[in-house]
Amino acid sequence: PASATITVDRRRLAPGASAEVTGRVRRADGTPAA
């Protein structure tokens, strides 16, 4: 299995209908984990 890291754009959000938790998953070499 490949290694990957998960990052999030914001660590704190206010609840809301349009609020979203967003981020990205990258492989160990920096390429996106599609």
PDB file of all heavy atoms in Angstrom:
ATOM      1  N   PRO A   1       0.836  -1.206   0.000  1.00  0.00           N
ATOM      2  CA  PRO A   1       0.000   0.000   0.000  1.00  0.00           C
ATOM      3  C   PRO A   1       0.872   1.257   0.000  1.00  0.00           C
ATOM      4  O   PRO A   1       1.931   1.311   0.643  1.00  0.00           O
ATOM      5  CB  PRO A   1      -0.805  -0.123   1.290  1.00  0.00           C
ATOM      6  CG  PRO A   1      -0.785  -1.570   1.631  1.00  0.00           C
ATOM      7  CD  PRO A   1       0.549  -2.066   1.149  1.00  0.00           C
ATOM      8  N   ALA A   2       0.415   2.248  -0.713  1.00  0.00           N
ATOM      9  CA  ALA A   2       1.155   3.507  -0.803  1.00  0.00           C
ATOM     10  C   ALA A   2       0.932   4.348   0.456  1.00  0.00           C
ATOM     11  O   ALA A   2      -0.081   4.221   1.145  1.00  0.00           O
ATOM     12  CB  ALA A   2       0.699   4.285  -2.040  1.00  0.00           C
ATOM     13  N   SER A   3       1.896   5.209   0.745  1.00  0.00           N
ATOM     14  CA  SER A   3       1.763   6.150   1.860  1.00  0.00           C
ATOM     15  C   SER A   3       1.164   7.453   1.347  1.00  0.00           C
ATOM     16  O   SER A   3       1.440   7.887   0.226  1.00  0.00           O
ATOM     17  CB  SER A   3       3.134   6.424   2.493  1.00  0.00           C
ATOM     18  OG  SER A   3       3.657   5.257   3.076  1.00  0.00           O
ATOM     19  N   ALA A   4       0.336   8.070   2.188  1.00  0.00           N
ATOM     20  CA  ALA A   4      -0.280   9.345   1.818  1.00  0.00           C
ATOM     21  C   ALA A   4      -0.547  10.144   3.079  1.00  0.00           C
ATOM     22  O   ALA A   4      -0.615   9.602   4.185  1.00  0.00           O
ATOM     23  CB  ALA A   4      -1.575   9.118   1.038  1.00  0.00           C
ATOM     24  N   THR A   5      -0.697  11.428   2.909  1.00  0.00           N
ATOM     25  CA  THR A   5      -1.025  12.327   4.032  1.00  0.00           C
ATOM     26  C   THR A   5      -2.288  13.100   3.689  1.00  0.00           C
ATOM     27  O   THR A   5      -2.568  13.395   2.516  1.00  0.00           O
ATOM     28  CB  THR A   5       0.112  13.313   4.321  1.00  0.00           C
ATOM     29  OG1 THR A   5       0.397  14.071   3.147  1.00  0.00           O
ATOM     30  CG2 THR A   5       1.362  12.589   4.770  1.00  0.00           C
ATOM     31  N   ILE A   6      -3.049  13.428   4.715  1.00  0.00           N
ATOM     32  CA  ILE A   6      -4.299  14.184   4.558  1.00  0.00           C
ATOM     33  C   ILE A   6      -4.138  15.533   5.247  1.00  0.00           C
ATOM     34  O   ILE A   6      -3.772  15.601   6.431  1.00  0.00           O
ATOM     35  CB  ILE A   6      -5.493  13.434   5.173  1.00  0.00           C
ATOM     36  CG1 ILE A   6      -5.575  12.013   4.620  1.00  0.00           C
ATOM     37  CG2 ILE A   6      -6.790  14.183   4.907  1.00  0.00           C
ATOM     38  CD1 ILE A   6      -6.658  11.173   5.283  1.00  0.00           C
ATOM     39  N   THR A   7      -4.394  16.600   4.535  1.00  0.00           N
ATOM     40  CA  THR A   7      -4.381  17.942   5.112  1.00  0.00           C
ATOM     41  C   THR A   7      -5.770  18.552   4.974  1.00  0.00           C
ATOM     42  O   THR A   7      -6.547  18.179   4.088  1.00  0.00           O
ATOM     43  CB  THR A   7      -3.354  18.849   4.413  1.00  0.00           C
ATOM     44  OG1 THR A   7      -3.670  18.929   3.013  1.00  0.00           O
ATOM     45  CG2 THR A   7      -1.948  18.309   4.578  1.00  0.00           C
ATOM     46  N   VAL A   8      -6.101  19.472   5.873  1.00  0.00           N
ATOM     47  CA  VAL A   8      -7.380  20.183   5.808  1.00  0.00           C
ATOM     48  C   VAL A   8      -7.092  21.669   5.661  1.00  0.00           C
ATOM     49  O   VAL A   8      -6.067  22.173   6.131  1.00  0.00           O
ATOM     50  CB  VAL A   8      -8.245  19.918   7.053  1.00  0.00           C
ATOM     51  CG1 VAL A   8      -8.719  18.479   7.089  1.00  0.00           C
ATOM     52  CG2 VAL A   8      -7.489  20.251   8.338  1.00  0.00           C
ATOM     53  N   ASP A   9      -7.999  22.365   4.988  1.00  0.00           N
ATOM     54  CA  ASP A   9      -7.793  23.785   4.744  1.00  0.00           C
ATOM     55  C   ASP A   9      -8.053  24.633   5.980  1.00  0.00           C
ATOM     56  O   ASP A   9      -7.399  25.658   6.186  1.00  0.00           O
ATOM     57  CB  ASP A   9      -8.707  24.259   3.595  1.00  0.00           C
ATOM     58  CG  ASP A   9      -8.375  23.547   2.293  1.00  0.00           C
ATOM     59  OD1 ASP A   9      -7.183  23.256   2.072  1.00  0.00           O
ATOM     60  OD2 ASP A   9      -9.306  23.269   1.514  1.00  0.00           O
ATOM     61  N   ARG A  10      -9.013  24.222   6.812  1.00  0.00           N
ATOM     62  CA  ARG A  10      -9.345  24.999   8.015  1.00  0.00           C
ATOM     63  C   ARG A  10      -9.555  24.042   9.165  1.00  0.00           C
ATOM     64  O   ARG A  10     -10.219  23.005   9.020  1.00  0.00           O
ATOM     65  CB  ARG A  10     -10.613  25.844   7.795  1.00  0.00           C
ATOM     66  CG  ARG A  10     -10.453  26.912   6.709  1.00  0.00           C
ATOM     67  CD  ARG A  10     -11.750  27.674   6.507  1.00  0.00           C
ATOM     68  NE  ARG A  10     -12.132  28.386   7.732  1.00  0.00           N
ATOM     69  CZ  ARG A  10     -13.286  29.040   7.868  1.00  0.00           C
ATOM     70  NH1 ARG A  10     -14.168  29.058   6.889  1.00  0.00           N
ATOM     71  NH2 ARG A  10     -13.564  29.674   8.993  1.00  0.00           N
ATOM     72  N   ARG A  11      -9.010  24.397  10.344  1.00  0.00           N
ATOM     73  CA  ARG A  11      -9.113  23.545  11.530  1.00  0.00           C
ATOM     74  C   ARG A  11     -10.354  23.852  12.367  1.00  0.00           C
ATOM     75  O   ARG A  11     -10.714  23.089  13.249  1.00  0.00           O
ATOM     76  CB  ARG A  11      -7.860  23.718  12.404  1.00  0.00           C
ATOM     77  CG  ARG A  11      -6.568  23.280  11.739  1.00  0.00           C
ATOM     78  CD  ARG A  11      -6.478  21.772  11.644  1.00  0.00           C
ATOM     79  NE  ARG A  11      -6.523  21.141  12.954  1.00  0.00           N
ATOM     80  CZ  ARG A  11      -5.459  20.966  13.741  1.00  0.00           C
ATOM     81  NH1 ARG A  11      -4.259  21.358  13.322  1.00  0.00           N
ATOM     82  NH2 ARG A  11      -5.569  20.379  14.913  1.00  0.00           N
ATOM     83  N   ARG A  12     -10.992  24.986  12.089  1.00  0.00           N
ATOM     84  CA  ARG A  12     -12.193  25.336  12.849  1.00  0.00           C
ATOM     85  C   ARG A  12     -13.196  25.993  11.916  1.00  0.00           C
ATOM     86  O   ARG A  12     -12.853  26.857  11.118  1.00  0.00           O
ATOM     87  CB  ARG A  12     -11.869  26.265  14.015  1.00  0.00           C
ATOM     88  CG  ARG A  12     -13.109  26.680  14.819  1.00  0.00           C
ATOM     89  CD  ARG A  12     -12.762  27.164  16.191  1.00  0.00           C
ATOM     90  NE  ARG A  12     -13.958  27.575  16.918  1.00  0.00           N
ATOM     91  CZ  ARG A  12     -14.036  27.693  18.236  1.00  0.00           C
ATOM     92  NH1 ARG A  12     -12.971  27.426  18.972  1.00  0.00           N
ATOM     93  NH2 ARG A  12     -15.147  28.067  18.825  1.00  0.00           N
ATOM     94  N   LEU A  13     -14.475  25.563  12.047  1.00  0.00           N
ATOM     95  CA  LEU A  13     -15.563  26.088  11.233  1.00  0.00           C
ATOM     96  C   LEU A  13     -16.760  26.380  12.120  1.00  0.00           C
ATOM     97  O   LEU A  13     -16.946  25.732  13.163  1.00  0.00           O
ATOM     98  CB  LEU A  13     -15.985  25.076  10.164  1.00  0.00           C
ATOM     99  CG  LEU A  13     -14.992  24.729   9.047  1.00  0.00           C
ATOM    100  CD1 LEU A  13     -15.529  23.540   8.260  1.00  0.00           C
ATOM    101  CD2 LEU A  13     -14.799  25.917   8.125  1.00  0.00           C
ATOM    102  N   ALA A  14     -17.584  27.317  11.696  1.00  0.00           N
ATOM    103  CA  ALA A  14     -18.874  27.534  12.343  1.00  0.00           C
ATOM    104  C   ALA A  14     -19.908  26.657  11.652  1.00  0.00           C
ATOM    105  O   ALA A  14     -19.883  26.509  10.426  1.00  0.00           O
ATOM    106  CB  ALA A  14     -19.271  29.002  12.255  1.00  0.00           C
ATOM    107  N   PRO A  15     -20.822  26.031  12.405  1.00  0.00           N
ATOM    108  CA  PRO A  15     -21.841  25.198  11.751  1.00  0.00           C
ATOM    109  C   PRO A  15     -22.667  26.031  10.777  1.00  0.00           C
ATOM    110  O   PRO A  15     -22.931  27.207  11.003  1.00  0.00           O
ATOM    111  CB  PRO A  15     -22.692  24.706  12.927  1.00  0.00           C
ATOM    112  CG  PRO A  15     -21.845  24.897  14.149  1.00  0.00           C
ATOM    113  CD  PRO A  15     -20.979  26.070  13.865  1.00  0.00           C
ATOM    114  N   GLY A  16     -23.081  25.407   9.695  1.00  0.00           N
ATOM    115  CA  GLY A  16     -23.897  26.116   8.722  1.00  0.00           C
ATOM    116  C   GLY A  16     -24.237  25.226   7.548  1.00  0.00           C
ATOM    117  O   GLY A  16     -23.533  24.252   7.248  1.00  0.00           O
ATOM    118  N   ALA A  17     -25.336  25.572   6.861  1.00  0.00           N
ATOM    119  CA  ALA A  17     -25.792  24.749   5.741  1.00  0.00           C
ATOM    120  C   ALA A  17     -24.788  24.737   4.602  1.00  0.00           C
ATOM    121  O   ALA A  17     -24.690  23.755   3.864  1.00  0.00           O
ATOM    122  CB  ALA A  17     -27.151  25.264   5.255  1.00  0.00           C
ATOM    123  N   SER A  18     -24.024  25.821   4.434  1.00  0.00           N
ATOM    124  CA  SER A  18     -23.081  25.886   3.314  1.00  0.00           C
ATOM    125  C   SER A  18     -21.634  25.629   3.734  1.00  0.00           C
ATOM    126  O   SER A  18     -20.742  25.633   2.887  1.00  0.00           O
ATOM    127  CB  SER A  18     -23.171  27.260   2.642  1.00  0.00           C
ATOM    128  OG  SER A  18     -22.845  28.292   3.567  1.00  0.00           O
ATOM    129  N   ALA A  19     -21.393  25.419   5.037  1.00  0.00           N
ATOM    130  CA  ALA A  19     -20.020  25.213   5.506  1.00  0.00           C
ATOM    131  C   ALA A  19     -19.523  23.830   5.080  1.00  0.00           C
ATOM    132  O   ALA A  19     -20.261  22.841   5.130  1.00  0.00           O
ATOM    133  CB  ALA A  19     -19.955  25.354   7.018  1.00  0.00           C
ATOM    134  N   GLU A  20     -18.270  23.759   4.662  1.00  0.00           N
ATOM    135  CA  GLU A  20     -17.690  22.499   4.211  1.00  0.00           C
ATOM    136  C   GLU A  20     -16.307  22.300   4.812  1.00  0.00           C
ATOM    137  O   GLU A  20     -15.552  23.262   4.986  1.00  0.00           O
ATOM    138  CB  GLU A  20     -17.561  22.481   2.682  1.00  0.00           C
ATOM    139  CG  GLU A  20     -18.870  22.369   1.933  1.00  0.00           C
ATOM    140  CD  GLU A  20     -18.650  22.217   0.439  1.00  0.00           C
ATOM    141  OE1 GLU A  20     -17.681  22.819  -0.080  1.00  0.00           O
ATOM    142  OE2 GLU A  20     -19.429  21.502  -0.215  1.00  0.00           O
ATOM    143  N   VAL A  21     -16.007  21.033   5.107  1.00  0.00           N
ATOM    144  CA  VAL A  21     -14.655  20.644   5.489  1.00  0.00           C
ATOM    145  C   VAL A  21     -13.940  20.246   4.204  1.00  0.00           C
ATOM    146  O   VAL A  21     -14.358  19.309   3.517  1.00  0.00           O
ATOM    147  CB  VAL A  21     -14.676  19.469   6.475  1.00  0.00           C
ATOM    148  CG1 VAL A  21     -13.257  19.047   6.824  1.00  0.00           C
ATOM    149  CG2 VAL A  21     -15.435  19.840   7.739  1.00  0.00           C
ATOM    150  N   THR A  22     -12.883  20.973   3.873  1.00  0.00           N
ATOM    151  CA  THR A  22     -12.175  20.717   2.620  1.00  0.00           C
ATOM    152  C   THR A  22     -10.704  20.422   2.904  1.00  0.00           C
ATOM    153  O   THR A  22     -10.159  20.837   3.923  1.00  0.00           O
ATOM    154  CB  THR A  22     -12.286  21.916   1.670  1.00  0.00           C
ATOM    155  OG1 THR A  22     -11.742  23.076   2.317  1.00  0.00           O
ATOM    156  CG2 THR A  22     -13.729  22.190   1.292  1.00  0.00           C
ATOM    157  N   GLY A  23     -10.072  19.718   1.966  1.00  0.00           N
ATOM    158  CA  GLY A  23      -8.665  19.415   2.126  1.00  0.00           C
ATOM    159  C   GLY A  23      -8.146  18.631   0.933  1.00  0.00           C
ATOM    160  O   GLY A  23      -8.776  18.565  -0.122  1.00  0.00           O
ATOM    161  N   ARG A  24      -6.991  18.012   1.110  1.00  0.00           N
ATOM    162  CA  ARG A  24      -6.336  17.307   0.008  1.00  0.00           C
ATOM    163  C   ARG A  24      -5.575  16.097   0.544  1.00  0.00           C
ATOM    164  O   ARG A  24      -5.055  16.116   1.661  1.00  0.00           O
ATOM    165  CB  ARG A  24      -5.387  18.240  -0.727  1.00  0.00           C
ATOM    166  CG  ARG A  24      -4.558  17.596  -1.810  1.00  0.00           C
ATOM    167  CD  ARG A  24      -3.796  18.621  -2.629  1.00  0.00           C
ATOM    168  NE  ARG A  24      -4.693  19.379  -3.502  1.00  0.00           N
ATOM    169  CZ  ARG A  24      -4.291  20.397  -4.268  1.00  0.00           C
ATOM    170  NH1 ARG A  24      -3.021  20.781  -4.240  1.00  0.00           N
ATOM    171  NH2 ARG A  24      -5.152  21.030  -5.040  1.00  0.00           N
ATOM    172  N   VAL A  25      -5.516  15.072  -0.287  1.00  0.00           N
ATOM    173  CA  VAL A  25      -4.741  13.873   0.020  1.00  0.00           C
ATOM    174  C   VAL A  25      -3.604  13.795  -0.998  1.00  0.00           C
ATOM    175  O   VAL A  25      -3.836  13.836  -2.216  1.00  0.00           O
ATOM    176  CB  VAL A  25      -5.604  12.601  -0.046  1.00  0.00           C
ATOM    177  CG1 VAL A  25      -4.776  11.380   0.370  1.00  0.00           C
ATOM    178  CG2 VAL A  25      -6.832  12.736   0.843  1.00  0.00           C
ATOM    179  N   ARG A  26      -2.373  13.689  -0.496  1.00  0.00           N
ATOM    180  CA  ARG A  26      -1.191  13.600  -1.370  1.00  0.00           C
ATOM    181  C   ARG A  26      -0.402  12.333  -1.048  1.00  0.00           C
ATOM    182  O   ARG A  26      -0.304  11.920   0.110  1.00  0.00           O
ATOM    183  CB  ARG A  26      -0.276  14.816  -1.175  1.00  0.00           C
ATOM    184  CG  ARG A  26      -0.827  16.125  -1.688  1.00  0.00           C
ATOM    185  CD  ARG A  26       0.244  17.209  -1.558  1.00  0.00           C
ATOM    186  NE  ARG A  26      -0.178  18.488  -2.099  1.00  0.00           N
ATOM    187  CZ  ARG A  26      -0.762  19.445  -1.399  1.00  0.00           C
ATOM    188  NH1 ARG A  26      -1.016  19.231  -0.115  1.00  0.00           N
ATOM    189  NH2 ARG A  26      -1.101  20.576  -1.965  1.00  0.00           N
ATOM    190  N   ARG A  27       0.162  11.756  -2.096  1.00  0.00           N
ATOM    191  CA  ARG A  27       1.062  10.627  -1.910  1.00  0.00           C
ATOM    192  C   ARG A  27       2.380  11.114  -1.308  1.00  0.00           C
ATOM    193  O   ARG A  27       2.624  12.316  -1.215  1.00  0.00           O
ATOM    194  CB  ARG A  27       1.331   9.943  -3.242  1.00  0.00           C
ATOM    195  CG  ARG A  27       0.116   9.271  -3.861  1.00  0.00           C
ATOM    196  CD  ARG A  27       0.437   8.814  -5.271  1.00  0.00           C
ATOM    197  NE  ARG A  27      -0.666   8.064  -5.869  1.00  0.00           N
ATOM    198  CZ  ARG A  27      -0.766   6.741  -5.868  1.00  0.00           C
ATOM    199  NH1 ARG A  27       0.208   6.021  -5.294  1.00  0.00           N
ATOM    200  NH2 ARG A  27      -1.792   6.141  -6.423  1.00  0.00           N
ATOM    201  N   ALA A  28       3.220  10.151  -0.927  1.00  0.00           N
ATOM    202  CA  ALA A  28       4.496  10.501  -0.295  1.00  0.00           C
ATOM    203  C   ALA A  28       5.376  11.326  -1.225  1.00  0.00           C
ATOM    204  O   ALA A  28       6.174  12.151  -0.769  1.00  0.00           O
ATOM    205  CB  ALA A  28       5.229   9.238   0.149  1.00  0.00           C
ATOM    206  N   ASP A  29       5.217  11.141  -2.545  1.00  0.00           N
ATOM    207  CA  ASP A  29       6.045  11.906  -3.484  1.00  0.00           C
ATOM    208  C   ASP A  29       5.424  13.253  -3.847  1.00  0.00           C
ATOM    209  O   ASP A  29       5.930  13.972  -4.701  1.00  0.00           O
ATOM    210  CB  ASP A  29       6.294  11.088  -4.751  1.00  0.00           C
ATOM    211  CG  ASP A  29       4.984  10.710  -5.471  1.00  0.00           C
ATOM    212  OD1 ASP A  29       3.906  11.150  -5.010  1.00  0.00           O
ATOM    213  OD2 ASP A  29       5.050   9.976  -6.479  1.00  0.00           O
ATOM    214  N   GLY A  30       4.298  13.613  -3.201  1.00  0.00           N
ATOM    215  CA  GLY A  30       3.672  14.904  -3.436  1.00  0.00           C
ATOM    216  C   GLY A  30       2.615  14.917  -4.499  1.00  0.00           C
ATOM    217  O   GLY A  30       1.929  15.937  -4.676  1.00  0.00           O
ATOM    218  N   THR A  31       2.434  13.837  -5.236  1.00  0.00           N
ATOM    219  CA  THR A  31       1.413  13.797  -6.278  1.00  0.00           C
ATOM    220  C   THR A  31       0.042  13.587  -5.649  1.00  0.00           C
ATOM    221  O   THR A  31      -0.079  12.988  -4.571  1.00  0.00           O
ATOM    222  CB  THR A  31       1.714  12.669  -7.278  1.00  0.00           C
ATOM    223  OG1 THR A  31       1.750  11.421  -6.560  1.00  0.00           O
ATOM    224  CG2 THR A  31       3.038  12.912  -7.969  1.00  0.00           C
ATOM    225  N   PRO A  32      -1.027  14.058  -6.285  1.00  0.00           N
ATOM    226  CA  PRO A  32      -2.359  13.896  -5.710  1.00  0.00           C
ATOM    227  C   PRO A  32      -2.798  12.437  -5.672  1.00  0.00           C
ATOM    228  O   PRO A  32      -2.491  11.652  -6.588  1.00  0.00           O
ATOM    229  CB  PRO A  32      -3.257  14.727  -6.622  1.00  0.00           C
ATOM    230  CG  PRO A  32      -2.487  14.956  -7.863  1.00  0.00           C
ATOM    231  CD  PRO A  32      -1.042  14.844  -7.527  1.00  0.00           C
ATOM    232  N   ALA A  33      -3.508  12.072  -4.606  1.00  0.00           N
ATOM    233  CA  ALA A  33      -4.077  10.729  -4.474  1.00  0.00           C
ATOM    234  C   ALA A  33      -5.484  10.784  -5.053  1.00  0.00           C
ATOM    235  O   ALA A  33      -6.455  11.094  -4.347  1.00  0.00           O
ATOM    236  CB  ALA A  33      -4.087  10.287  -3.019  1.00  0.00           C
ATOM    237  N   ALA A  34      -5.604  10.536  -6.342  1.00  0.00           N
ATOM    238  CA  ALA A  34      -6.892  10.647  -7.026  1.00  0.00           C
ATOM    239  C   ALA A  34      -7.782   9.452  -6.719  1.00  0.00           C
ATOM    240  O   ALA A  34      -7.315   8.314  -6.604  1.00  0.00           O
ATOM    241  CB  ALA A  34      -6.664  10.769  -8.528  1.00  0.00           C
TER     242      ALA A  34
END
